[in-house]
Amino acid sequence: MITSVDHSSGTIGVYFNYWNSAVDAILGRINWDNEIHYLINSRTGYKGRVVLWRGPNGGSIGDGHGRFDSDPNPYGYNW
């Protein structure tokens, strides 16, 4: 679940924030910092590649942050 969309850069909506414990539970591990994953935005249906970090980097709610890649499917991943 996305908890906020702010960032230390001052941009709104480029980055998203979440609770690391939720990602830990989904992946079943805690060593995922700076990894790329494929996700689906359940609200918009947007599918793509994201990078996830364990630090909040200015996010107001949550202890981790991430962003969708500018090229959401560079390897032709089949959904």
N, C-alpha and C. Protein backbone atom coordinates (compact mmCIF):
# COMPACT_ATOMS: atom_id res chain seq x y z
N MET A 1 0.83 -1.17 0.00
CA MET A 1 0.00 0.00 0.00
C MET A 1 0.88 1.24 0.00
N ILE A 2 0.57 2.17 -0.88
CA ILE A 2 1.29 3.43 -0.95
C ILE A 2 0.79 4.33 0.17
N THR A 3 1.72 4.93 0.92
CA THR A 3 1.34 5.74 2.06
C THR A 3 1.45 7.24 1.80
N SER A 4 2.30 7.65 0.87
CA SER A 4 2.43 9.06 0.49
C SER A 4 3.21 9.13 -0.83
N VAL A 5 3.23 10.30 -1.44
CA VAL A 5 3.89 10.45 -2.74
C VAL A 5 4.82 11.67 -2.78
N ASP A 6 5.38 12.04 -1.64
CA ASP A 6 6.32 13.16 -1.60
C ASP A 6 7.75 12.65 -1.48
N HIS A 7 8.72 13.58 -1.63
CA HIS A 7 10.13 13.18 -1.71
C HIS A 7 11.00 14.36 -1.30
N SER A 8 12.22 14.08 -0.90
CA SER A 8 13.15 15.14 -0.49
C SER A 8 13.46 16.12 -1.61
N SER A 9 13.30 15.71 -2.86
CA SER A 9 13.57 16.61 -4.00
C SER A 9 12.50 17.68 -4.15
N GLY A 10 11.38 17.52 -3.44
CA GLY A 10 10.27 18.47 -3.56
C GLY A 10 9.25 18.07 -4.60
N THR A 11 9.54 17.04 -5.39
CA THR A 11 8.58 16.59 -6.39
C THR A 11 7.45 15.81 -5.72
N ILE A 12 6.27 15.93 -6.28
CA ILE A 12 5.10 15.22 -5.76
C ILE A 12 4.64 14.25 -6.84
N GLY A 13 4.48 12.99 -6.49
CA GLY A 13 3.93 12.02 -7.42
C GLY A 13 4.93 11.26 -8.27
N VAL A 14 6.20 11.61 -8.23
CA VAL A 14 7.21 10.85 -8.97
C VAL A 14 7.65 9.63 -8.17
N TYR A 15 7.82 9.84 -6.88
CA TYR A 15 8.21 8.78 -5.96
C TYR A 15 7.00 8.39 -5.12
N PHE A 16 7.02 7.18 -4.58
CA PHE A 16 5.96 6.74 -3.68
C PHE A 16 6.60 6.15 -2.43
N ASN A 17 5.86 6.21 -1.35
CA ASN A 17 6.36 5.76 -0.05
C ASN A 17 5.49 4.62 0.47
N TYR A 18 6.06 3.79 1.32
CA TYR A 18 5.39 2.59 1.84
C TYR A 18 6.09 2.18 3.12
N TRP A 19 5.54 1.18 3.79
CA TRP A 19 6.16 0.60 4.97
C TRP A 19 7.02 -0.58 4.55
N ASN A 20 8.29 -0.56 4.95
CA ASN A 20 9.21 -1.65 4.61
C ASN A 20 8.70 -3.00 5.10
N SER A 21 8.04 -3.03 6.23
CA SER A 21 7.54 -4.31 6.76
C SER A 21 6.56 -4.97 5.80
N ALA A 22 5.81 -4.17 5.03
CA ALA A 22 4.87 -4.73 4.05
C ALA A 22 5.64 -5.39 2.90
N VAL A 23 6.70 -4.73 2.43
CA VAL A 23 7.51 -5.32 1.36
C VAL A 23 8.25 -6.55 1.87
N ASP A 24 8.76 -6.48 3.10
CA ASP A 24 9.43 -7.64 3.71
C ASP A 24 8.49 -8.85 3.69
N ALA A 25 7.24 -8.62 4.07
CA ALA A 25 6.26 -9.71 4.13
C ALA A 25 5.95 -10.27 2.74
N ILE A 26 5.83 -9.40 1.75
CA ILE A 26 5.52 -9.84 0.38
C ILE A 26 6.68 -10.65 -0.19
N LEU A 27 7.90 -10.15 -0.01
CA LEU A 27 9.07 -10.82 -0.59
C LEU A 27 9.60 -11.94 0.29
N GLY A 28 9.24 -11.95 1.57
CA GLY A 28 9.72 -12.98 2.48
C GLY A 28 11.18 -12.82 2.86
N ARG A 29 11.68 -11.59 2.78
CA ARG A 29 13.08 -11.31 3.13
C ARG A 29 13.25 -9.81 3.35
N ILE A 30 14.39 -9.41 3.92
CA ILE A 30 14.62 -8.00 4.19
C ILE A 30 15.74 -7.41 3.33
N ASN A 31 16.42 -8.21 2.55
CA ASN A 31 17.58 -7.74 1.78
C ASN A 31 17.20 -7.36 0.34
N TRP A 32 16.24 -6.45 0.20
CA TRP A 32 15.76 -6.06 -1.13
C TRP A 32 16.07 -4.60 -1.48
N ASP A 33 16.84 -3.90 -0.66
CA ASP A 33 17.12 -2.48 -0.91
C ASP A 33 17.75 -2.26 -2.28
N ASN A 34 17.25 -1.27 -3.01
CA ASN A 34 17.75 -0.88 -4.33
C ASN A 34 17.56 -1.97 -5.38
N GLU A 35 16.54 -2.78 -5.24
CA GLU A 35 16.23 -3.82 -6.22
C GLU A 35 15.13 -3.35 -7.17
N ILE A 36 15.12 -3.96 -8.34
CA ILE A 36 14.09 -3.70 -9.34
C ILE A 36 13.08 -4.83 -9.30
N HIS A 37 11.80 -4.45 -9.32
CA HIS A 37 10.70 -5.41 -9.31
C HIS A 37 9.65 -4.97 -10.32
N TYR A 38 8.80 -5.89 -10.73
CA TYR A 38 7.67 -5.56 -11.59
C TYR A 38 6.42 -5.48 -10.74
N LEU A 39 5.69 -4.37 -10.85
CA LEU A 39 4.50 -4.15 -10.04
C LEU A 39 3.33 -3.68 -10.89
N ILE A 40 2.16 -3.83 -10.34
CA ILE A 40 0.93 -3.32 -10.95
C ILE A 40 0.29 -2.35 -9.98
N ASN A 41 -0.04 -1.15 -10.46
CA ASN A 41 -0.78 -0.19 -9.67
C ASN A 41 -2.24 -0.62 -9.71
N SER A 42 -2.76 -1.13 -8.60
CA SER A 42 -4.12 -1.67 -8.59
C SER A 42 -5.18 -0.59 -8.78
N ARG A 43 -4.83 0.67 -8.51
CA ARG A 43 -5.79 1.76 -8.69
C ARG A 43 -5.92 2.14 -10.17
N THR A 44 -4.77 2.21 -10.89
CA THR A 44 -4.79 2.67 -12.28
C THR A 44 -4.64 1.55 -13.29
N GLY A 45 -4.15 0.39 -12.84
CA GLY A 45 -3.87 -0.71 -13.76
C GLY A 45 -2.52 -0.60 -14.44
N TYR A 46 -1.76 0.47 -14.15
CA TYR A 46 -0.44 0.66 -14.75
C TYR A 46 0.50 -0.46 -14.31
N LYS A 47 1.21 -1.04 -15.25
CA LYS A 47 2.15 -2.13 -14.98
C LYS A 47 3.55 -1.66 -15.35
N GLY A 48 4.52 -1.97 -14.55
CA GLY A 48 5.86 -1.58 -14.91
C GLY A 48 6.92 -1.97 -13.91
N ARG A 49 8.10 -1.56 -14.24
CA ARG A 49 9.30 -1.84 -13.46
C ARG A 49 9.47 -0.73 -12.43
N VAL A 50 9.75 -1.12 -11.20
CA VAL A 50 10.00 -0.14 -10.14
C VAL A 50 11.31 -0.47 -9.43
N VAL A 51 11.92 0.55 -8.87
CA VAL A 51 13.05 0.34 -7.97
C VAL A 51 12.55 0.69 -6.57
N LEU A 52 12.93 -0.15 -5.59
CA LEU A 52 12.49 0.03 -4.21
C LEU A 52 13.70 0.24 -3.32
N TRP A 53 13.59 1.22 -2.41
CA TRP A 53 14.64 1.51 -1.43
C TRP A 53 14.07 1.41 -0.03
N ARG A 54 14.89 1.00 0.93
CA ARG A 54 14.47 0.87 2.32
C ARG A 54 14.42 2.20 3.06
N GLY A 55 14.99 3.26 2.54
CA GLY A 55 14.97 4.56 3.21
C GLY A 55 13.84 5.44 2.72
N PRO A 56 13.32 6.36 3.58
CA PRO A 56 12.18 7.19 3.20
C PRO A 56 12.55 8.35 2.27
N ASN A 57 13.77 8.85 2.33
CA ASN A 57 14.26 9.96 1.51
C ASN A 57 13.26 11.11 1.41
N GLY A 58 12.76 11.53 2.54
CA GLY A 58 11.87 12.69 2.59
C GLY A 58 10.40 12.37 2.53
N GLY A 59 10.04 11.12 2.36
CA GLY A 59 8.63 10.76 2.33
C GLY A 59 7.98 11.03 3.68
N SER A 60 6.80 11.61 3.67
CA SER A 60 6.16 12.02 4.92
C SER A 60 5.53 10.85 5.69
N ILE A 61 5.10 9.80 4.98
CA ILE A 61 4.50 8.65 5.65
C ILE A 61 5.10 7.39 5.05
N GLY A 62 5.74 6.58 5.86
CA GLY A 62 6.39 5.36 5.40
C GLY A 62 7.88 5.42 5.66
N ASP A 63 8.52 4.26 5.68
CA ASP A 63 9.96 4.22 5.92
C ASP A 63 10.75 3.70 4.72
N GLY A 64 10.09 3.54 3.59
CA GLY A 64 10.75 3.17 2.34
C GLY A 64 10.17 3.99 1.20
N HIS A 65 10.90 4.05 0.08
CA HIS A 65 10.37 4.77 -1.09
C HIS A 65 10.77 4.06 -2.37
N GLY A 66 10.07 4.38 -3.45
CA GLY A 66 10.35 3.78 -4.75
C GLY A 66 9.86 4.67 -5.86
N ARG A 67 10.13 4.26 -7.09
CA ARG A 67 9.62 4.98 -8.26
C ARG A 67 9.50 4.01 -9.42
N PHE A 68 8.56 4.31 -10.30
CA PHE A 68 8.44 3.54 -11.54
C PHE A 68 9.56 3.96 -12.46
N ASP A 69 10.10 3.01 -13.19
CA ASP A 69 11.16 3.27 -14.16
C ASP A 69 10.58 4.05 -15.33
N SER A 70 11.41 4.87 -15.96
CA SER A 70 10.94 5.63 -17.12
C SER A 70 10.64 4.72 -18.31
N ASP A 71 11.28 3.56 -18.35
CA ASP A 71 10.98 2.54 -19.37
C ASP A 71 10.38 1.35 -18.62
N PRO A 72 9.05 1.30 -18.51
CA PRO A 72 8.43 0.33 -17.61
C PRO A 72 8.61 -1.14 -17.98
N ASN A 73 8.93 -1.45 -19.22
CA ASN A 73 9.04 -2.85 -19.60
C ASN A 73 10.15 -3.04 -20.64
N PRO A 74 11.40 -2.73 -20.27
CA PRO A 74 12.48 -2.77 -21.27
C PRO A 74 12.82 -4.16 -21.77
N TYR A 75 12.43 -5.19 -21.04
CA TYR A 75 12.78 -6.55 -21.44
C TYR A 75 11.62 -7.30 -22.05
N GLY A 76 10.51 -6.62 -22.32
CA GLY A 76 9.37 -7.27 -22.94
C GLY A 76 8.69 -8.27 -22.03
N TYR A 77 8.68 -7.99 -20.73
CA TYR A 77 8.08 -8.89 -19.75
C TYR A 77 6.62 -9.16 -20.10
N ASN A 78 6.20 -10.40 -20.10
CA ASN A 78 4.82 -10.76 -20.39
C ASN A 78 3.99 -10.76 -19.12
N TRP A 79 2.97 -9.94 -19.09
CA TRP A 79 2.11 -9.85 -17.91
C TRP A 79 1.08 -10.90 -18.06
